[in-house]
Amino acid sequence: QVQLVESGGGLVQAGGPLRLSCVYSDRTFSDYAMGWFRQAPGKERGFVATISWSGGSTRYEDSVKGRFTISRDNARNTVYLQMNSLKPEDTAVYYCAAGGRTPLGGSSYGDYDYWGQGTQVTVSS
């Protein structure tokens, strides 16, 4: 059973950076596109970013373009989300996900097969 474990969340002041990590549990990591989603209180889980199997392609939700960077290290079975210039509206639980249907992951919940348990990010104003 594949497991995804996120880390790196916490409390940060507006304008500051934070880097999230997500470790994938077995050798099939490079077979999967990876994504990051987030869910704020009272809202649905929404797409943040995705990266292809090889790491050569990425896509971002419009509100995070230019501020967030998704990357992966296939040798370490890890995907990262570097978040800069954080805003209070970025406050949410952040989830990583693995999807094997397409080389570059989609932006919908159903495009992904495996999910982590989430890590809380809180941005204070």
C-alpha atoms as a PDB file:
ATOM      1  CA  GLN A   1       0.000   0.000   0.000  1.00  0.00           C
ATOM      2  CA  VAL A   2       1.490   3.300  -1.115  1.00  0.00           C
ATOM      3  CA  GLN A   3       1.820   5.922   1.598  1.00  0.00           C
ATOM      4  CA  LEU A   4       2.481   9.636   1.261  1.00  0.00           C
ATOM      5  CA  VAL A   5       3.749  11.607   4.231  1.00  0.00           C
ATOM      6  CA  GLU A   6       3.815  15.407   4.173  1.00  0.00           C
ATOM      7  CA  SER A   7       5.917  17.614   6.402  1.00  0.00           C
ATOM      8  CA  GLY A   8       7.073  21.207   6.658  1.00  0.00           C
ATOM      9  CA  GLY A   9       3.856  22.958   7.540  1.00  0.00           C
ATOM     10  CA  GLY A  10       3.642  25.535  10.280  1.00  0.00           C
ATOM     11  CA  LEU A  11       2.959  29.142  11.194  1.00  0.00           C
ATOM     12  CA  VAL A  12       4.616  31.850   9.109  1.00  0.00           C
ATOM     13  CA  GLN A  13       4.194  35.607   8.769  1.00  0.00           C
ATOM     14  CA  ALA A  14       2.778  37.075   5.595  1.00  0.00           C
ATOM     15  CA  GLY A  15       5.498  37.568   3.012  1.00  0.00           C
ATOM     16  CA  GLY A  16       7.590  34.730   4.378  1.00  0.00           C
ATOM     17  CA  PRO A  17       8.608  31.409   2.821  1.00  0.00           C
ATOM     18  CA  LEU A  18       7.843  27.820   3.693  1.00  0.00           C
ATOM     19  CA  ARG A  19       8.817  24.541   2.027  1.00  0.00           C
ATOM     20  CA  LEU A  20       6.634  21.476   2.153  1.00  0.00           C
ATOM     21  CA  SER A  21       7.945  17.967   1.528  1.00  0.00           C
ATOM     22  CA  CYS A  22       6.117  14.765   0.722  1.00  0.00           C
ATOM     23  CA  VAL A  23       7.784  11.366   0.852  1.00  0.00           C
ATOM     24  CA  TYR A  24       6.379   8.499  -1.236  1.00  0.00           C
ATOM     25  CA  SER A  25       6.769   5.060   0.283  1.00  0.00           C
ATOM     26  CA  ASP A  26       8.033   2.776  -2.496  1.00  0.00           C
ATOM     27  CA  ARG A  27      10.037   2.393  -5.696  1.00  0.00           C
ATOM     28  CA  THR A  28       7.185   3.307  -8.057  1.00  0.00           C
ATOM     29  CA  PHE A  29       7.498   7.033  -7.293  1.00  0.00           C
ATOM     30  CA  SER A  30       8.890   7.919 -10.722  1.00  0.00           C
ATOM     31  CA  ASP A  31       5.859   6.277 -12.375  1.00  0.00           C
ATOM     32  CA  TYR A  32       3.536   8.920 -10.959  1.00  0.00           C
ATOM     33  CA  ALA A  33       2.767  12.521 -11.583  1.00  0.00           C
ATOM     34  CA  MET A  34       2.577  14.360  -8.277  1.00  0.00           C
ATOM     35  CA  GLY A  35       0.305  17.126  -7.163  1.00  0.00           C
ATOM     36  CA  TRP A  36      -0.316  19.483  -4.286  1.00  0.00           C
ATOM     37  CA  PHE A  37      -3.812  20.484  -3.216  1.00  0.00           C
ATOM     38  CA  ARG A  38      -5.072  22.583  -0.331  1.00  0.00           C
ATOM     39  CA  GLN A  39      -8.233  22.895   1.710  1.00  0.00           C
ATOM     40  CA  ALA A  40      -9.153  25.930   3.762  1.00  0.00           C
ATOM     41  CA  PRO A  41     -11.836  25.766   6.475  1.00  0.00           C
ATOM     42  CA  GLY A  42     -15.290  25.633   4.946  1.00  0.00           C
ATOM     43  CA  LYS A  43     -13.954  25.254   1.417  1.00  0.00           C
ATOM     44  CA  GLU A  44     -13.446  22.382  -0.976  1.00  0.00           C
ATOM     45  CA  ARG A  45     -10.050  20.873  -1.613  1.00  0.00           C
ATOM     46  CA  GLY A  46      -8.492  22.712  -4.527  1.00  0.00           C
ATOM     47  CA  PHE A  47      -5.602  22.249  -6.921  1.00  0.00           C
ATOM     48  CA  VAL A  48      -2.318  24.060  -6.282  1.00  0.00           C
ATOM     49  CA  ALA A  49       0.356  22.542  -8.519  1.00  0.00           C
ATOM     50  CA  THR A  50       1.394  19.407 -10.376  1.00  0.00           C
ATOM     51  CA  ILE A  51       4.626  17.989 -11.754  1.00  0.00           C
ATOM     52  CA  SER A  52       5.186  15.284 -14.342  1.00  0.00           C
ATOM     53  CA  TRP A  53       6.816  11.898 -13.854  1.00  0.00           C
ATOM     54  CA  SER A  54      10.217  13.172 -14.937  1.00  0.00           C
ATOM     55  CA  GLY A  55       9.910  16.606 -13.371  1.00  0.00           C
ATOM     56  CA  GLY A  56      10.165  18.271 -16.771  1.00  0.00           C
ATOM     57  CA  SER A  57       6.662  19.750 -16.799  1.00  0.00           C
ATOM     58  CA  THR A  58       4.738  21.681 -14.191  1.00  0.00           C
ATOM     59  CA  ARG A  59       1.427  23.508 -13.919  1.00  0.00           C
ATOM     60  CA  TYR A  60       0.083  25.892 -11.283  1.00  0.00           C
ATOM     61  CA  GLU A  61      -3.180  27.334 -10.108  1.00  0.00           C
ATOM     62  CA  ASP A  62      -3.321  30.983 -11.118  1.00  0.00           C
ATOM     63  CA  SER A  63      -3.183  32.482  -7.621  1.00  0.00           C
ATOM     64  CA  VAL A  64       0.147  30.804  -6.802  1.00  0.00           C
ATOM     65  CA  LYS A  65       1.966  31.337 -10.102  1.00  0.00           C
ATOM     66  CA  GLY A  66       5.246  33.141  -9.544  1.00  0.00           C
ATOM     67  CA  ARG A  67       5.141  32.470  -5.793  1.00  0.00           C
ATOM     68  CA  PHE A  68       5.102  28.668  -5.479  1.00  0.00           C
ATOM     69  CA  THR A  69       7.441  26.141  -7.086  1.00  0.00           C
ATOM     70  CA  ILE A  70       6.847  22.403  -7.269  1.00  0.00           C
ATOM     71  CA  SER A  71       9.826  20.093  -7.715  1.00  0.00           C
ATOM     72  CA  ARG A  72      10.706  16.463  -7.205  1.00  0.00           C
ATOM     73  CA  ASP A  73      13.714  14.297  -6.437  1.00  0.00           C
ATOM     74  CA  ASN A  74      13.109  10.830  -7.821  1.00  0.00           C
ATOM     75  CA  ALA A  75      16.194   9.459  -6.089  1.00  0.00           C
ATOM     76  CA  ARG A  76      14.675  10.459  -2.735  1.00  0.00           C
ATOM     77  CA  ASN A  77      11.036   9.629  -3.576  1.00  0.00           C
ATOM     78  CA  THR A  78      10.164  13.160  -2.553  1.00  0.00           C
ATOM     79  CA  VAL A  79       8.127  16.008  -3.971  1.00  0.00           C
ATOM     80  CA  TYR A  80       8.482  19.564  -2.692  1.00  0.00           C
ATOM     81  CA  LEU A  81       6.414  22.714  -2.696  1.00  0.00           C
ATOM     82  CA  GLN A  82       8.439  25.865  -2.160  1.00  0.00           C
ATOM     83  CA  MET A  83       6.091  28.649  -1.141  1.00  0.00           C
ATOM     84  CA  ASN A  84       7.303  32.257  -1.188  1.00  0.00           C
ATOM     85  CA  SER A  85       5.559  35.569  -0.564  1.00  0.00           C
ATOM     86  CA  LEU A  86       2.912  33.803   1.453  1.00  0.00           C
ATOM     87  CA  LYS A  87      -0.434  35.499   2.019  1.00  0.00           C
ATOM     88  CA  PRO A  88      -3.063  34.931   4.718  1.00  0.00           C
ATOM     89  CA  GLU A  89      -5.329  33.481   2.036  1.00  0.00           C
ATOM     90  CA  ASP A  90      -2.801  30.676   1.535  1.00  0.00           C
ATOM     91  CA  THR A  91      -3.767  29.352   4.971  1.00  0.00           C
ATOM     92  CA  ALA A  92      -5.013  25.780   4.529  1.00  0.00           C
ATOM     93  CA  VAL A  93      -4.233  22.131   5.015  1.00  0.00           C
ATOM     94  CA  TYR A  94      -1.930  21.116   2.176  1.00  0.00           C
ATOM     95  CA  TYR A  95      -2.091  17.630   0.705  1.00  0.00           C
ATOM     96  CA  CYS A  96       0.210  15.849  -1.697  1.00  0.00           C
ATOM     97  CA  ALA A  97      -1.127  13.293  -4.139  1.00  0.00           C
ATOM     98  CA  ALA A  98       0.147  10.766  -6.667  1.00  0.00           C
ATOM     99  CA  GLY A  99      -1.587  10.132  -9.985  1.00  0.00           C
ATOM    100  CA  GLY A 100      -0.709   7.551 -12.610  1.00  0.00           C
ATOM    101  CA  ARG A 101      -3.164   8.282 -15.404  1.00  0.00           C
ATOM    102  CA  THR A 102      -1.275  10.946 -17.339  1.00  0.00           C
ATOM    103  CA  PRO A 103       2.360  12.110 -17.533  1.00  0.00           C
ATOM    104  CA  LEU A 104       1.419  15.477 -16.035  1.00  0.00           C
ATOM    105  CA  GLY A 105      -1.142  15.311 -13.276  1.00  0.00           C
ATOM    106  CA  GLY A 106      -4.548  16.874 -13.569  1.00  0.00           C
ATOM    107  CA  SER A 107      -6.201  19.554 -11.491  1.00  0.00           C
ATOM    108  CA  SER A 108      -9.073  17.448 -10.181  1.00  0.00           C
ATOM    109  CA  TYR A 109      -9.294  15.324  -7.069  1.00  0.00           C
ATOM    110  CA  GLY A 110     -10.240  12.292  -9.177  1.00  0.00           C
ATOM    111  CA  ASP A 111      -7.028  12.488 -11.226  1.00  0.00           C
ATOM    112  CA  TYR A 112      -5.025  11.158  -8.284  1.00  0.00           C
ATOM    113  CA  ASP A 113      -4.798   7.688  -6.793  1.00  0.00           C
ATOM    114  CA  TYR A 114      -3.018   8.217  -3.493  1.00  0.00           C
ATOM    115  CA  TRP A 115      -3.155  11.000  -0.912  1.00  0.00           C
ATOM    116  CA  GLY A 116      -1.198  12.085   2.124  1.00  0.00           C
ATOM    117  CA  GLN A 117      -2.723  13.003   5.456  1.00  0.00           C
ATOM    118  CA  GLY A 118      -2.101  16.728   5.048  1.00  0.00           C
ATOM    119  CA  THR A 119      -0.003  19.365   6.757  1.00  0.00           C
ATOM    120  CA  GLN A 120      -1.324  22.649   8.162  1.00  0.00           C
ATOM    121  CA  VAL A 121      -0.003  25.937   6.823  1.00  0.00           C
ATOM    122  CA  THR A 122      -1.057  29.085   8.660  1.00  0.00           C
ATOM    123  CA  VAL A 123      -0.063  32.528   7.397  1.00  0.00           C
ATOM    124  CA  SER A 124      -0.485  35.388   9.847  1.00  0.00           C
ATOM    125  CA  SER A 125      -1.086  38.944   8.712  1.00  0.00           C
END
